[in-house]
Amino acid sequence: MDQRLLDKKQALMAEIKQASSLFKAMADPVRQDILMMFMLHKRMNVAEVVEKASLSRPAISHHLRIMKQAGLLSSVKEKTEVYYNLELGDSVVNQLRTIVQLAEQILEDPAKS
């Protein structure tokens, strides 16, 4: 196998591994619903998400924590409330873009044949 192609495959695997928490966060149907809620409402506290999702507060807190760790949400504490915001910033978008670009390069590489 061509060394250049092997390097691309290794780079792709490294990027996928680095983005695994993002993929895990986005794979769960409940978190997909929560993500859509934040696309519509931008900023919510746990109680607002609980009301819209009809899940328990501990369950919502668990999902929000995973989403925050993956970089999908940010939070800010105001008095006694924690507000979450959608955080589809450059780091998340760039991670996904890099994975797609590396995959395309591998698929288009004539050395793979």
N, C-alpha and C. Protein backbone atom coordinates (compact mmCIF):
# COMPACT_ATOMS: atom_id res chain seq x y z
N MET A 1 0.85 -1.18 0.00
CA MET A 1 0.00 0.00 0.00
C MET A 1 0.89 1.24 0.00
N ASP A 2 0.49 2.22 -0.75
CA ASP A 2 1.20 3.49 -0.85
C ASP A 2 1.30 4.16 0.52
N GLN A 3 2.49 4.65 0.87
CA GLN A 3 2.71 5.27 2.19
C GLN A 3 1.83 6.50 2.40
N ARG A 4 1.63 7.26 1.33
CA ARG A 4 0.80 8.46 1.42
C ARG A 4 -0.64 8.09 1.80
N LEU A 5 -1.15 7.04 1.17
CA LEU A 5 -2.51 6.58 1.47
C LEU A 5 -2.59 6.04 2.90
N LEU A 6 -1.57 5.31 3.31
CA LEU A 6 -1.52 4.80 4.68
C LEU A 6 -1.52 5.95 5.69
N ASP A 7 -0.76 6.99 5.40
CA ASP A 7 -0.72 8.17 6.28
C ASP A 7 -2.09 8.83 6.38
N LYS A 8 -2.80 8.92 5.24
CA LYS A 8 -4.14 9.52 5.24
C LYS A 8 -5.10 8.68 6.08
N LYS A 9 -5.00 7.36 5.95
CA LYS A 9 -5.88 6.48 6.73
C LYS A 9 -5.60 6.61 8.22
N GLN A 10 -4.33 6.69 8.57
CA GLN A 10 -3.98 6.86 9.99
C GLN A 10 -4.46 8.21 10.51
N ALA A 11 -4.34 9.25 9.69
CA ALA A 11 -4.82 10.58 10.09
C ALA A 11 -6.33 10.57 10.29
N LEU A 12 -7.04 9.89 9.39
CA LEU A 12 -8.50 9.80 9.50
C LEU A 12 -8.89 9.06 10.78
N MET A 13 -8.23 7.96 11.06
CA MET A 13 -8.54 7.20 12.28
C MET A 13 -8.26 8.03 13.53
N ALA A 14 -7.19 8.81 13.51
CA ALA A 14 -6.87 9.66 14.66
C ALA A 14 -7.95 10.73 14.85
N GLU A 15 -8.42 11.32 13.75
CA GLU A 15 -9.47 12.34 13.84
C GLU A 15 -10.78 11.74 14.35
N ILE A 16 -11.12 10.56 13.86
CA ILE A 16 -12.35 9.90 14.31
C ILE A 16 -12.26 9.58 15.80
N LYS A 17 -11.11 9.09 16.23
CA LYS A 17 -10.92 8.78 17.65
C LYS A 17 -11.06 10.04 18.50
N GLN A 18 -10.47 11.14 18.01
CA GLN A 18 -10.53 12.41 18.75
C GLN A 18 -11.97 12.92 18.82
N ALA A 19 -12.76 12.65 17.80
CA ALA A 19 -14.14 13.14 17.75
C ALA A 19 -15.14 12.13 18.33
N SER A 20 -14.67 11.06 18.92
CA SER A 20 -15.58 10.01 19.39
C SER A 20 -16.59 10.52 20.41
N SER A 21 -16.19 11.43 21.28
CA SER A 21 -17.16 11.96 22.26
C SER A 21 -18.24 12.78 21.57
N LEU A 22 -17.87 13.46 20.50
CA LEU A 22 -18.86 14.22 19.72
C LEU A 22 -19.85 13.27 19.06
N PHE A 23 -19.33 12.21 18.43
CA PHE A 23 -20.21 11.23 17.79
C PHE A 23 -21.11 10.54 18.82
N LYS A 24 -20.55 10.21 19.97
CA LYS A 24 -21.33 9.56 21.03
C LYS A 24 -22.45 10.50 21.49
N ALA A 25 -22.13 11.76 21.65
CA ALA A 25 -23.13 12.72 22.10
C ALA A 25 -24.24 12.89 21.08
N MET A 26 -23.90 12.84 19.81
CA MET A 26 -24.89 13.06 18.76
C MET A 26 -25.65 11.79 18.39
N ALA A 27 -25.18 10.63 18.84
CA ALA A 27 -25.80 9.36 18.45
C ALA A 27 -27.09 9.05 19.20
N ASP A 28 -27.23 9.58 20.39
CA ASP A 28 -28.39 9.27 21.22
C ASP A 28 -29.62 10.06 20.75
N PRO A 29 -30.76 9.39 20.53
CA PRO A 29 -31.97 10.10 20.07
C PRO A 29 -32.44 11.20 21.01
N VAL A 30 -32.31 11.00 22.31
CA VAL A 30 -32.71 12.04 23.27
C VAL A 30 -31.83 13.27 23.08
N ARG A 31 -30.53 13.06 22.94
CA ARG A 31 -29.62 14.20 22.75
C ARG A 31 -29.84 14.87 21.40
N GLN A 32 -30.26 14.11 20.40
CA GLN A 32 -30.61 14.71 19.11
C GLN A 32 -31.80 15.65 19.29
N ASP A 33 -32.79 15.20 20.06
CA ASP A 33 -33.96 16.05 20.33
C ASP A 33 -33.55 17.30 21.11
N ILE A 34 -32.68 17.13 22.09
CA ILE A 34 -32.22 18.27 22.89
C ILE A 34 -31.44 19.24 22.00
N LEU A 35 -30.62 18.71 21.11
CA LEU A 35 -29.87 19.55 20.17
C LEU A 35 -30.82 20.39 19.32
N MET A 36 -31.89 19.76 18.84
CA MET A 36 -32.88 20.49 18.04
C MET A 36 -33.57 21.57 18.88
N MET A 37 -33.84 21.27 20.15
CA MET A 37 -34.45 22.28 21.03
C MET A 37 -33.55 23.51 21.14
N PHE A 38 -32.25 23.26 21.29
CA PHE A 38 -31.32 24.38 21.41
C PHE A 38 -31.18 25.15 20.10
N MET A 39 -31.38 24.49 18.98
CA MET A 39 -31.35 25.20 17.70
C MET A 39 -32.52 26.18 17.61
N LEU A 40 -33.63 25.81 18.23
CA LEU A 40 -34.81 26.68 18.21
C LEU A 40 -34.80 27.73 19.31
N HIS A 41 -34.29 27.37 20.48
CA HIS A 41 -34.40 28.26 21.64
C HIS A 41 -33.08 28.87 22.09
N LYS A 42 -31.98 28.42 21.56
CA LYS A 42 -30.63 28.95 21.80
C LYS A 42 -30.15 28.82 23.24
N ARG A 43 -30.94 29.28 24.21
CA ARG A 43 -30.48 29.33 25.60
C ARG A 43 -31.59 28.84 26.52
N MET A 44 -31.26 27.82 27.33
CA MET A 44 -32.25 27.28 28.26
C MET A 44 -31.55 26.79 29.53
N ASN A 45 -32.31 26.78 30.62
CA ASN A 45 -31.80 26.15 31.84
C ASN A 45 -32.35 24.72 31.90
N VAL A 46 -31.94 23.97 32.89
CA VAL A 46 -32.34 22.56 32.98
C VAL A 46 -33.86 22.43 33.07
N ALA A 47 -34.49 23.28 33.86
CA ALA A 47 -35.95 23.21 34.03
C ALA A 47 -36.68 23.40 32.70
N GLU A 48 -36.19 24.31 31.87
CA GLU A 48 -36.82 24.54 30.57
C GLU A 48 -36.65 23.33 29.65
N VAL A 49 -35.50 22.71 29.70
CA VAL A 49 -35.28 21.51 28.88
C VAL A 49 -36.15 20.37 29.39
N VAL A 50 -36.25 20.21 30.71
CA VAL A 50 -37.11 19.17 31.30
C VAL A 50 -38.55 19.36 30.83
N GLU A 51 -39.03 20.58 30.86
CA GLU A 51 -40.40 20.88 30.46
C GLU A 51 -40.64 20.50 29.00
N LYS A 52 -39.69 20.82 28.13
CA LYS A 52 -39.86 20.54 26.71
C LYS A 52 -39.62 19.07 26.37
N ALA A 53 -38.77 18.39 27.12
CA ALA A 53 -38.41 17.01 26.81
C ALA A 53 -39.26 15.98 27.54
N SER A 54 -39.93 16.39 28.59
CA SER A 54 -40.75 15.47 29.40
C SER A 54 -39.93 14.30 29.95
N LEU A 55 -38.71 14.59 30.37
CA LEU A 55 -37.86 13.61 31.04
C LEU A 55 -37.54 14.14 32.43
N SER A 56 -37.02 13.27 33.27
CA SER A 56 -36.69 13.70 34.63
C SER A 56 -35.50 14.67 34.62
N ARG A 57 -35.44 15.47 35.66
CA ARG A 57 -34.33 16.42 35.80
C ARG A 57 -32.97 15.71 35.81
N PRO A 58 -32.82 14.59 36.57
CA PRO A 58 -31.52 13.90 36.54
C PRO A 58 -31.15 13.37 35.14
N ALA A 59 -32.15 12.88 34.41
CA ALA A 59 -31.88 12.38 33.06
C ALA A 59 -31.42 13.51 32.14
N ILE A 60 -32.11 14.64 32.21
CA ILE A 60 -31.73 15.79 31.38
C ILE A 60 -30.35 16.29 31.78
N SER A 61 -30.07 16.38 33.06
CA SER A 61 -28.75 16.82 33.52
C SER A 61 -27.65 15.92 32.98
N HIS A 62 -27.91 14.63 32.98
CA HIS A 62 -26.95 13.65 32.44
C HIS A 62 -26.67 13.93 30.95
N HIS A 63 -27.74 14.11 30.18
CA HIS A 63 -27.58 14.37 28.74
C HIS A 63 -26.88 15.70 28.48
N LEU A 64 -27.24 16.72 29.24
CA LEU A 64 -26.60 18.03 29.06
C LEU A 64 -25.11 17.96 29.39
N ARG A 65 -24.76 17.20 30.41
CA ARG A 65 -23.35 17.05 30.78
C ARG A 65 -22.55 16.40 29.65
N ILE A 66 -23.10 15.35 29.05
CA ILE A 66 -22.43 14.67 27.93
C ILE A 66 -22.28 15.62 26.75
N MET A 67 -23.33 16.38 26.46
CA MET A 67 -23.29 17.32 25.34
C MET A 67 -22.28 18.43 25.59
N LYS A 68 -22.19 18.88 26.82
CA LYS A 68 -21.22 19.92 27.16
C LYS A 68 -19.79 19.39 27.04
N GLN A 69 -19.55 18.18 27.53
CA GLN A 69 -18.22 17.58 27.43
C GLN A 69 -17.80 17.37 25.98
N ALA A 70 -18.77 17.14 25.10
CA ALA A 70 -18.48 16.94 23.68
C ALA A 70 -18.29 18.26 22.93
N GLY A 71 -18.56 19.37 23.60
CA GLY A 71 -18.39 20.67 22.96
C GLY A 71 -19.61 21.17 22.21
N LEU A 72 -20.75 20.49 22.39
CA LEU A 72 -21.97 20.92 21.71
C LEU A 72 -22.69 22.03 22.46
N LEU A 73 -22.48 22.11 23.76
CA LEU A 73 -23.12 23.12 24.59
C LEU A 73 -22.07 23.82 25.45
N SER A 74 -22.37 25.05 25.80
CA SER A 74 -21.60 25.76 26.82
C SER A 74 -22.58 26.14 27.91
N SER A 75 -22.07 26.53 29.06
CA SER A 75 -22.97 26.91 30.15
C SER A 75 -22.44 28.13 30.87
N VAL A 76 -23.37 28.86 31.46
CA VAL A 76 -23.03 30.02 32.27
C VAL A 76 -23.96 30.02 33.49
N LYS A 77 -23.39 30.26 34.65
CA LYS A 77 -24.19 30.30 35.87
C LYS A 77 -24.59 31.74 36.15
N GLU A 78 -25.88 31.94 36.36
CA GLU A 78 -26.43 33.25 36.72
C GLU A 78 -27.24 33.07 38.00
N LYS A 79 -26.72 33.62 39.07
CA LYS A 79 -27.32 33.45 40.40
C LYS A 79 -27.40 31.96 40.73
N THR A 80 -28.61 31.41 40.82
CA THR A 80 -28.74 30.00 41.18
C THR A 80 -29.02 29.10 39.97
N GLU A 81 -29.12 29.67 38.81
CA GLU A 81 -29.46 28.90 37.61
C GLU A 81 -28.25 28.74 36.69
N VAL A 82 -28.18 27.59 36.05
CA VAL A 82 -27.18 27.36 35.01
C VAL A 82 -27.91 27.36 33.67
N TYR A 83 -27.47 28.23 32.78
CA TYR A 83 -28.05 28.32 31.44
C TYR A 83 -27.11 27.68 30.44
N TYR A 84 -27.69 26.89 29.54
CA TYR A 84 -26.91 26.22 28.50
C TYR A 84 -27.17 26.91 27.17
N ASN A 85 -26.13 26.95 26.35
CA ASN A 85 -26.22 27.55 25.02
C ASN A 85 -25.66 26.58 24.00
N LEU A 86 -26.25 26.59 22.82
CA LEU A 86 -25.72 25.79 21.72
C LEU A 86 -24.36 26.32 21.34
N GLU A 87 -23.40 25.43 21.16
CA GLU A 87 -22.02 25.83 20.91
C GLU A 87 -21.48 25.09 19.69
N LEU A 88 -22.11 25.30 18.54
CA LEU A 88 -21.61 24.67 17.32
C LEU A 88 -20.56 25.58 16.70
N GLY A 89 -19.52 25.81 17.45
CA GLY A 89 -18.46 26.71 17.03
C GLY A 89 -17.47 26.06 16.09
N ASP A 90 -16.41 26.78 15.87
CA ASP A 90 -15.39 26.35 14.92
C ASP A 90 -14.80 24.99 15.25
N SER A 91 -14.60 24.69 16.52
CA SER A 91 -13.94 23.43 16.86
C SER A 91 -14.79 22.23 16.45
N VAL A 92 -16.08 22.27 16.71
CA VAL A 92 -16.97 21.17 16.33
C VAL A 92 -17.07 21.06 14.82
N VAL A 93 -17.31 22.17 14.17
CA VAL A 93 -17.45 22.18 12.71
C VAL A 93 -16.15 21.76 12.04
N ASN A 94 -15.03 22.26 12.54
CA ASN A 94 -13.73 21.90 11.95
C ASN A 94 -13.42 20.42 12.13
N GLN A 95 -13.78 19.86 13.27
CA GLN A 95 -13.57 18.42 13.48
C GLN A 95 -14.31 17.61 12.43
N LEU A 96 -15.57 17.93 12.24
CA LEU A 96 -16.38 17.20 11.27
C LEU A 96 -15.88 17.44 9.85
N ARG A 97 -15.53 18.66 9.54
CA ARG A 97 -15.02 19.00 8.21
C ARG A 97 -13.73 18.24 7.91
N THR A 98 -12.83 18.16 8.87
CA THR A 98 -11.56 17.46 8.68
C THR A 98 -11.80 15.98 8.41
N ILE A 99 -12.71 15.37 9.15
CA ILE A 99 -13.02 13.95 8.94
C ILE A 99 -13.56 13.72 7.54
N VAL A 100 -14.48 14.56 7.11
CA VAL A 100 -15.06 14.41 5.76
C VAL A 100 -13.98 14.61 4.69
N GLN A 101 -13.14 15.62 4.85
CA GLN A 101 -12.10 15.89 3.86
C GLN A 101 -11.10 14.73 3.77
N LEU A 102 -10.68 14.20 4.90
CA LEU A 102 -9.75 13.06 4.88
C LEU A 102 -10.40 11.84 4.23
N ALA A 103 -11.65 11.59 4.54
CA ALA A 103 -12.35 10.45 3.93
C ALA A 103 -12.45 10.63 2.42
N GLU A 104 -12.76 11.84 1.97
CA GLU A 104 -12.84 12.11 0.53
C GLU A 104 -11.49 11.90 -0.14
N GLN A 105 -10.42 12.35 0.51
CA GLN A 105 -9.08 12.18 -0.06
C GLN A 105 -8.74 10.70 -0.22
N ILE A 106 -9.11 9.90 0.75
CA ILE A 106 -8.84 8.46 0.67
C ILE A 106 -9.65 7.83 -0.46
N LEU A 107 -10.93 8.21 -0.55
CA LEU A 107 -11.79 7.65 -1.60
C LEU A 107 -11.32 8.03 -3.00
N GLU A 108 -10.78 9.24 -3.14
CA GLU A 108 -10.35 9.73 -4.45
C GLU A 108 -8.91 9.37 -4.79
N ASP A 109 -8.17 8.80 -3.86
CA ASP A 109 -6.76 8.49 -4.08
C ASP A 109 -6.61 7.32 -5.05
N PRO A 110 -5.90 7.52 -6.17
CA PRO A 110 -5.73 6.43 -7.13
C PRO A 110 -4.90 5.27 -6.58
N ALA A 111 -4.15 5.49 -5.53
CA ALA A 111 -3.30 4.43 -4.96
C ALA A 111 -4.10 3.38 -4.20
N LYS A 112 -5.38 3.66 -3.92
CA LYS A 112 -6.17 2.71 -3.14
C LYS A 112 -6.58 1.48 -3.96
N SER A 113 -6.48 1.57 -5.25
CA SER A 113 -6.87 0.45 -6.12
C SER A 113 -5.89 -0.69 -6.10
